[in-house]
Amino acid sequence: MKITLAHGSGGQSTKELIEKIFAASYKNPVLDMMEDSAVVGGSAKIAVTTDSFVVNPLFFKGGNIGRLAVCGTVNDLLMRGATPKYLTSAFIIEEGAELSELKLIAASMAQAAREAGVIIVAGDTKVIEGKGGIYINTSGVGFVEGDDYASFKCTQGDAIIVSGSLGDHHAAILSHRMNIKNDIASDVAPLCDIVKNLQNSGVEVHAMRDITRGGLGTVLNELADASGKCFELSESAIPVNPQVKSFVKLLGLNIMHMGNEGKLVAVVSKKDAEKALEIIKNSKYGKDAAIVGYVSSGNGVVMETSLGGKKKVGILIGEGLPRIC
């Protein structure tokens, strides 16, 4: 069996690759939790994560691969309740890449790091034969001062909050590739303000995930698997930008499986749901947040449709959109 583009989609093929190859080979209690970053012991609790970025095109409306690399890594740390502190950055550059583009990417990374309050403390560069592509690997370290968030902590009755409109990044990348003219821009952003404000408020947060490859449907299925609970959604409550909604309808896409790079889903205690929603709405990058459902007994992800019926929401099957991040 050979690796295909579907193995990088964030859906079923990715899940099988991770479980059968990497999780089986590297098996340990920390990795087995399959969270966005690892919370490990030390002089204090720290969160550690690593990620690789291969987006095509390198530059897109709303950002570029450099901003994407910093925000993606920072957000993975934030999802465990960590305060991001340090990043490493490794570039793999194909022969023929433009130096001017590389400078712009590096400058964008520096700006995103300043916005997120982190510093890039180490790096590496390799040049290989190719056609001018640029790829970035980043690792991040953050400190966990209080309780860490984890999928298994999701509890029956918890509210499910999405921090804003879905599908923006996916639609921006696809619009660029298909030369479709519109105003849709990627949502790529560090979510530090949202997480910090929730932590400082005393809201009881049980779990968080950033909604990247595979979309909300895949992320919620991962949470459901880890917690042994059912995640019930209301289709009418899910926020979608009007332009993205039209784009989705035009191309026959499924918003539940479209990727984002500046949105999170937070699972919070029902008693704190409205308070948490208001905090997120008043945070940077959270103005369009919405409560989209609740956790119940059972398993899987179920959505009440706008027509009043119910349907099961699965994880992404197939390749989705290659090189979205």
Protein backbone atom coordinates (compact mmCIF):
# COMPACT_ATOMS: atom_id res chain seq x y z
CA MET A 1 0.00 0.00 0.00
CA LYS A 2 1.29 3.42 -0.91
CA ILE A 3 0.76 6.77 0.77
CA THR A 4 -1.85 8.88 -1.02
CA LEU A 5 -3.00 12.49 -0.65
CA ALA A 6 -5.92 11.22 1.41
CA HIS A 7 -3.48 10.31 4.19
CA GLY A 8 -2.91 14.03 4.76
CA SER A 9 -6.57 15.10 4.78
CA GLY A 10 -7.18 14.87 8.53
CA GLY A 11 -10.00 12.35 8.00
CA GLN A 12 -10.38 8.56 8.12
CA SER A 13 -7.20 7.80 6.15
CA THR A 14 -5.16 10.08 8.43
CA LYS A 15 -6.69 8.45 11.50
CA GLU A 16 -5.72 4.98 10.26
CA LEU A 17 -2.19 6.10 9.39
CA ILE A 18 -1.67 7.64 12.84
CA GLU A 19 -3.10 4.67 14.70
CA LYS A 20 -1.43 1.89 12.68
CA ILE A 21 1.98 3.48 12.12
CA PHE A 22 2.85 6.28 14.51
CA ALA A 23 0.73 5.55 17.60
CA ALA A 24 1.61 1.87 17.41
CA SER A 25 5.34 2.61 17.10
CA TYR A 26 5.62 5.42 19.67
CA LYS A 27 3.03 4.12 22.16
CA ASN A 28 3.19 5.76 25.62
CA PRO A 29 0.58 7.10 28.08
CA VAL A 30 1.00 10.74 27.01
CA LEU A 31 0.80 10.10 23.27
CA ASP A 32 -2.09 7.68 23.69
CA MET A 33 -4.35 10.57 24.78
CA MET A 34 -4.15 11.89 21.18
CA GLU A 35 -4.55 15.56 22.14
CA ASP A 36 -3.39 18.61 20.18
CA SER A 37 -0.30 18.87 22.41
CA ALA A 38 1.26 16.80 25.17
CA VAL A 39 1.13 17.87 28.82
CA VAL A 40 4.18 16.43 30.57
CA GLY A 41 5.94 16.77 33.91
CA GLY A 42 8.95 18.94 34.67
CA SER A 43 9.78 21.72 37.09
CA ALA A 44 6.18 22.65 36.26
CA LYS A 45 3.70 21.15 33.83
CA ILE A 46 4.60 21.95 30.25
CA ALA A 47 2.80 21.37 26.95
CA VAL A 48 4.79 20.29 23.90
CA THR A 49 3.63 20.05 20.30
CA THR A 50 5.05 19.80 16.78
CA ASP A 51 3.53 20.36 13.35
CA SER A 52 4.49 20.59 9.67
CA PHE A 53 3.04 23.02 7.12
CA VAL A 54 2.84 22.32 3.39
CA VAL A 55 0.07 24.69 2.25
CA ASN A 56 -0.36 25.36 -1.44
CA PRO A 57 -0.35 28.26 -2.36
CA LEU A 58 2.30 29.72 -0.06
CA PHE A 59 0.50 33.09 -0.07
CA PHE A 60 -3.28 33.40 0.13
CA LYS A 61 -5.87 36.01 1.02
CA GLY A 62 -5.53 36.62 4.74
CA GLY A 63 -2.11 35.10 5.32
CA ASN A 64 0.74 32.88 4.20
CA ILE A 65 2.55 29.71 5.26
CA GLY A 66 4.63 31.62 7.83
CA ARG A 67 1.69 33.04 9.78
CA LEU A 68 -0.03 29.68 9.46
CA ALA A 69 2.94 27.83 11.00
CA VAL A 70 3.11 30.07 14.06
CA CYS A 71 -0.65 30.24 14.65
CA GLY A 72 -1.17 26.52 14.13
CA THR A 73 1.48 25.59 16.67
CA VAL A 74 0.47 28.23 19.23
CA ASN A 75 -3.18 27.17 19.00
CA ASP A 76 -2.32 23.51 19.62
CA LEU A 77 -0.67 24.53 22.91
CA LEU A 78 -3.58 26.75 23.89
CA MET A 79 -6.03 23.88 23.40
CA ARG A 80 -4.53 22.09 26.42
CA GLY A 81 -4.78 25.19 28.63
CA ALA A 82 -1.11 26.07 28.22
CA THR A 83 0.43 29.53 27.86
CA PRO A 84 2.63 29.32 24.73
CA LYS A 85 6.22 30.49 25.31
CA TYR A 86 8.73 29.08 22.82
CA LEU A 87 8.78 27.88 19.22
CA THR A 88 11.33 26.21 17.00
CA SER A 89 11.20 26.58 13.23
CA ALA A 90 12.70 24.30 10.56
CA PHE A 91 12.45 25.12 6.85
CA ILE A 92 12.75 22.66 3.99
CA ILE A 93 13.26 24.75 0.86
CA GLU A 94 13.24 23.45 -2.68
CA GLU A 95 15.84 24.74 -5.10
CA GLY A 96 14.38 27.60 -7.12
CA ALA A 97 12.37 29.19 -4.30
CA GLU A 98 12.30 32.98 -4.41
CA LEU A 99 14.43 34.67 -1.74
CA SER A 100 12.01 37.60 -1.64
CA GLU A 101 9.15 35.25 -0.78
CA LEU A 102 11.22 33.57 1.92
CA LYS A 103 11.88 36.97 3.51
CA LEU A 104 8.18 37.80 3.52
CA ILE A 105 7.36 34.45 5.11
CA ALA A 106 9.99 34.90 7.82
CA ALA A 107 8.74 38.43 8.55
CA SER A 108 5.17 37.15 8.81
CA MET A 109 6.27 34.46 11.26
CA ALA A 110 7.99 37.09 13.41
CA GLN A 111 4.87 39.28 13.43
CA ALA A 112 2.60 36.37 14.33
CA ALA A 113 4.99 35.34 17.12
CA ARG A 114 4.88 38.85 18.58
CA GLU A 115 1.08 38.83 18.46
CA ALA A 116 0.98 35.46 20.22
CA GLY A 117 3.55 36.45 22.83
CA VAL A 118 6.03 33.71 21.94
CA ILE A 119 9.64 33.70 20.79
CA ILE A 120 11.23 31.48 18.16
CA VAL A 121 14.23 30.04 20.00
CA ALA A 122 15.75 27.59 17.52
CA GLY A 123 15.59 26.69 13.86
CA ASP A 124 17.03 24.75 10.96
CA THR A 125 17.13 25.05 7.17
CA LYS A 126 17.55 22.39 4.52
CA VAL A 127 17.54 22.90 0.75
CA ILE A 128 16.56 20.06 -1.56
CA GLU A 129 15.96 19.51 -5.26
CA GLY A 130 12.51 20.47 -6.43
CA LYS A 131 10.40 23.16 -8.03
CA GLY A 132 10.63 26.06 -5.60
CA GLY A 133 8.41 24.82 -2.79
CA ILE A 134 8.77 25.85 0.86
CA TYR A 135 7.77 23.68 3.82
CA ILE A 136 7.97 24.51 7.53
CA ASN A 137 8.12 22.36 10.65
CA THR A 138 7.52 24.03 14.00
CA SER A 139 7.63 22.80 17.57
CA GLY A 140 6.17 24.65 20.53
CA VAL A 141 6.46 24.66 24.30
CA GLY A 142 4.00 26.20 26.74
CA PHE A 143 3.48 26.24 30.51
CA VAL A 144 0.36 24.84 32.20
CA GLU A 145 -0.33 26.73 35.42
CA GLY A 146 -3.74 25.29 36.32
CA ASP A 147 -5.74 22.27 35.22
CA ASP A 148 -5.11 21.11 31.68
CA TYR A 149 -7.99 20.57 29.25
CA ALA A 150 -8.52 17.06 27.90
CA SER A 151 -11.11 15.31 25.75
CA PHE A 152 -12.02 12.68 28.35
CA LYS A 153 -13.23 15.44 30.71
CA CYS A 154 -16.28 16.22 28.56
CA THR A 155 -19.40 15.68 30.68
CA GLN A 156 -23.07 15.12 29.93
CA GLY A 157 -24.81 18.51 29.82
CA ASP A 158 -21.72 20.47 28.76
CA ALA A 159 -22.23 23.23 26.21
CA ILE A 160 -20.39 23.14 22.87
CA ILE A 161 -19.19 26.58 21.77
CA VAL A 162 -17.64 27.43 18.40
CA SER A 163 -15.57 30.65 18.43
CA GLY A 164 -16.70 31.92 15.01
CA SER A 165 -17.75 31.30 11.43
CA LEU A 166 -16.58 28.04 9.87
CA GLY A 167 -14.91 27.20 6.56
CA ASP A 168 -13.13 30.52 5.90
CA HIS A 169 -9.61 29.12 5.47
CA HIS A 170 -10.75 26.18 3.38
CA ALA A 171 -12.82 28.43 1.10
CA ALA A 172 -10.00 30.99 0.75
CA ILE A 173 -7.48 28.34 -0.31
CA LEU A 174 -9.88 26.67 -2.74
CA SER A 175 -10.95 30.02 -4.22
CA HIS A 176 -7.30 30.84 -4.95
CA ARG A 177 -6.66 27.49 -6.62
CA MET A 178 -9.81 27.68 -8.74
CA ASN A 179 -9.30 31.37 -9.55
CA ILE A 180 -12.74 32.22 -8.14
CA LYS A 181 -13.01 35.91 -7.34
CA ASN A 182 -14.53 36.74 -3.95
CA ASP A 183 -13.69 38.50 -0.67
CA ILE A 184 -13.25 35.34 1.41
CA ALA A 185 -10.04 35.51 3.47
CA SER A 186 -8.39 32.90 5.64
CA ASP A 187 -9.17 33.14 9.36
CA VAL A 188 -5.59 32.20 10.35
CA ALA A 189 -4.98 33.70 13.80
CA PRO A 190 -3.54 32.95 17.26
CA LEU A 191 -6.35 32.33 19.74
CA CYS A 192 -4.44 33.49 22.84
CA ASP A 193 -6.91 36.22 23.83
CA ILE A 194 -9.91 33.89 23.83
CA VAL A 195 -8.20 31.23 25.93
CA LYS A 196 -6.59 33.68 28.35
CA ASN A 197 -9.89 35.49 28.96
CA LEU A 198 -11.69 32.20 29.64
CA GLN A 199 -8.97 31.13 32.06
CA ASN A 200 -9.05 34.44 33.93
CA SER A 201 -12.84 34.34 34.21
CA GLY A 202 -13.05 31.13 36.22
CA VAL A 203 -15.24 29.47 33.59
CA GLU A 204 -15.16 25.66 33.93
CA VAL A 205 -13.62 24.54 30.63
CA HIS A 206 -13.38 20.78 30.12
CA ALA A 207 -11.89 20.50 26.62
CA MET A 208 -10.81 22.57 23.64
CA ARG A 209 -9.80 21.80 20.08
CA ASP A 210 -8.83 24.04 17.19
CA ILE A 211 -10.97 23.27 14.15
CA THR A 212 -8.37 22.61 11.46
CA ARG A 213 -8.12 19.78 8.90
CA GLY A 214 -11.21 17.61 8.80
CA GLY A 215 -13.42 20.41 10.12
CA LEU A 216 -15.83 20.55 13.05
CA GLY A 217 -17.33 17.15 12.24
CA THR A 218 -14.01 15.36 12.55
CA VAL A 219 -12.95 17.27 15.68
CA LEU A 220 -16.21 16.53 17.51
CA ASN A 221 -16.02 12.86 16.60
CA GLU A 222 -12.54 12.75 18.15
CA LEU A 223 -13.93 14.34 21.33
CA ALA A 224 -16.86 11.92 21.34
CA ASP A 225 -14.56 8.91 20.96
CA ALA A 226 -12.28 10.06 23.78
CA SER A 227 -15.06 10.96 26.21
CA GLY A 228 -17.57 8.21 25.40
CA LYS A 229 -20.32 10.81 24.97
CA CYS A 230 -22.66 12.01 22.25
CA PHE A 231 -22.27 15.51 20.86
CA GLU A 232 -25.65 16.91 19.76
CA LEU A 233 -25.62 19.89 17.39
CA SER A 234 -28.13 22.30 15.91
CA GLU A 235 -27.42 23.03 12.23
CA SER A 236 -29.11 26.43 12.43
CA ALA A 237 -26.80 27.50 15.28
CA ILE A 238 -23.54 26.88 13.39
CA PRO A 239 -22.04 30.23 12.30
CA VAL A 240 -21.05 30.53 8.64
CA ASN A 241 -20.02 33.67 6.73
CA PRO A 242 -22.67 34.42 4.03
CA GLN A 243 -20.04 34.41 1.26
CA VAL A 244 -18.70 31.07 2.48
CA LYS A 245 -22.25 29.69 2.67
CA SER A 246 -22.81 30.64 -0.98
CA PHE A 247 -19.43 29.19 -1.93
CA VAL A 248 -20.24 25.91 -0.18
CA LYS A 249 -23.62 25.68 -1.91
CA LEU A 250 -22.08 26.45 -5.32
CA LEU A 251 -19.47 23.68 -5.07
CA GLY A 252 -21.50 21.14 -3.09
CA LEU A 253 -19.12 21.17 -0.10
CA ASN A 254 -19.90 20.13 3.48
CA ILE A 255 -19.24 22.92 5.98
CA MET A 256 -18.81 20.31 8.74
CA HIS A 257 -15.67 19.01 7.05
CA MET A 258 -14.11 22.30 5.97
CA GLY A 259 -10.86 23.39 7.62
CA ASN A 260 -10.18 26.55 9.61
CA GLU A 261 -7.03 28.08 11.08
CA GLY A 262 -8.41 30.57 13.58
CA LYS A 263 -11.37 28.86 15.20
CA LEU A 264 -11.78 26.65 18.25
CA VAL A 265 -14.47 24.55 19.83
CA ALA A 266 -14.74 24.80 23.62
CA VAL A 267 -16.65 22.31 25.77
CA VAL A 268 -17.68 24.06 28.98
CA SER A 269 -19.86 23.32 31.97
CA LYS A 270 -23.53 24.06 31.23
CA LYS A 271 -23.72 26.44 34.20
CA ASP A 272 -21.04 28.63 32.61
CA ALA A 273 -22.24 28.41 29.00
CA GLU A 274 -23.67 31.91 28.58
CA LYS A 275 -20.81 33.50 30.51
CA ALA A 276 -18.24 31.68 28.37
CA LEU A 277 -20.04 32.71 25.17
CA GLU A 278 -20.02 36.37 26.19
CA ILE A 279 -16.32 36.21 27.08
CA ILE A 280 -15.42 34.68 23.72
CA LYS A 281 -17.56 37.22 21.83
CA ASN A 282 -15.68 40.05 23.57
CA SER A 283 -12.26 38.54 22.81
CA LYS A 284 -10.09 39.12 19.75
CA TYR A 285 -11.18 36.79 16.92
CA GLY A 286 -14.31 35.65 18.78
CA LYS A 287 -17.09 38.10 17.83
CA ASP A 288 -19.11 35.53 15.87
CA ALA A 289 -19.01 32.79 18.53
CA ALA A 290 -22.09 30.65 19.13
CA ILE A 291 -23.35 27.81 21.30
CA VAL A 292 -23.94 25.07 18.72
CA GLY A 293 -25.03 22.16 20.91
CA TYR A 294 -24.67 20.10 24.07
CA VAL A 295 -23.04 16.89 25.24
CA SER A 296 -25.36 14.01 26.05
CA SER A 297 -25.19 10.31 26.86
CA GLY A 298 -24.52 7.90 24.02
CA ASN A 299 -21.80 8.19 21.41
CA GLY A 300 -20.90 9.91 18.16
CA VAL A 301 -22.06 13.23 16.72
CA VAL A 302 -25.70 13.95 15.83
CA MET A 303 -27.07 17.07 14.17
CA GLU A 304 -30.60 18.41 14.17
CA THR A 305 -31.03 19.74 10.64
CA SER A 306 -32.68 23.00 9.65
CA LEU A 307 -35.65 20.89 8.45
CA GLY A 308 -36.14 19.36 11.90
CA GLY A 309 -34.71 15.93 11.23
CA LYS A 310 -31.61 14.35 12.74
CA LYS A 311 -28.55 12.97 11.01
CA LYS A 312 -25.27 11.47 12.10
CA VAL A 313 -22.13 13.51 11.39
CA GLY A 314 -19.08 11.42 10.60
CA ILE A 315 -15.43 12.25 10.19
CA LEU A 316 -13.96 13.34 6.87
CA ILE A 317 -13.55 10.44 4.44
CA GLY A 318 -11.01 10.73 1.60
CA GLU A 319 -8.54 13.47 0.82
CA GLY A 320 -10.75 16.54 1.31
CA LEU A 321 -8.56 19.44 0.24
CA PRO A 322 -4.82 18.58 0.00
CA ARG A 323 -2.26 21.00 1.41
CA ILE A 324 -4.70 23.18 3.31
CA CYS A 325 -2.12 23.77 6.05
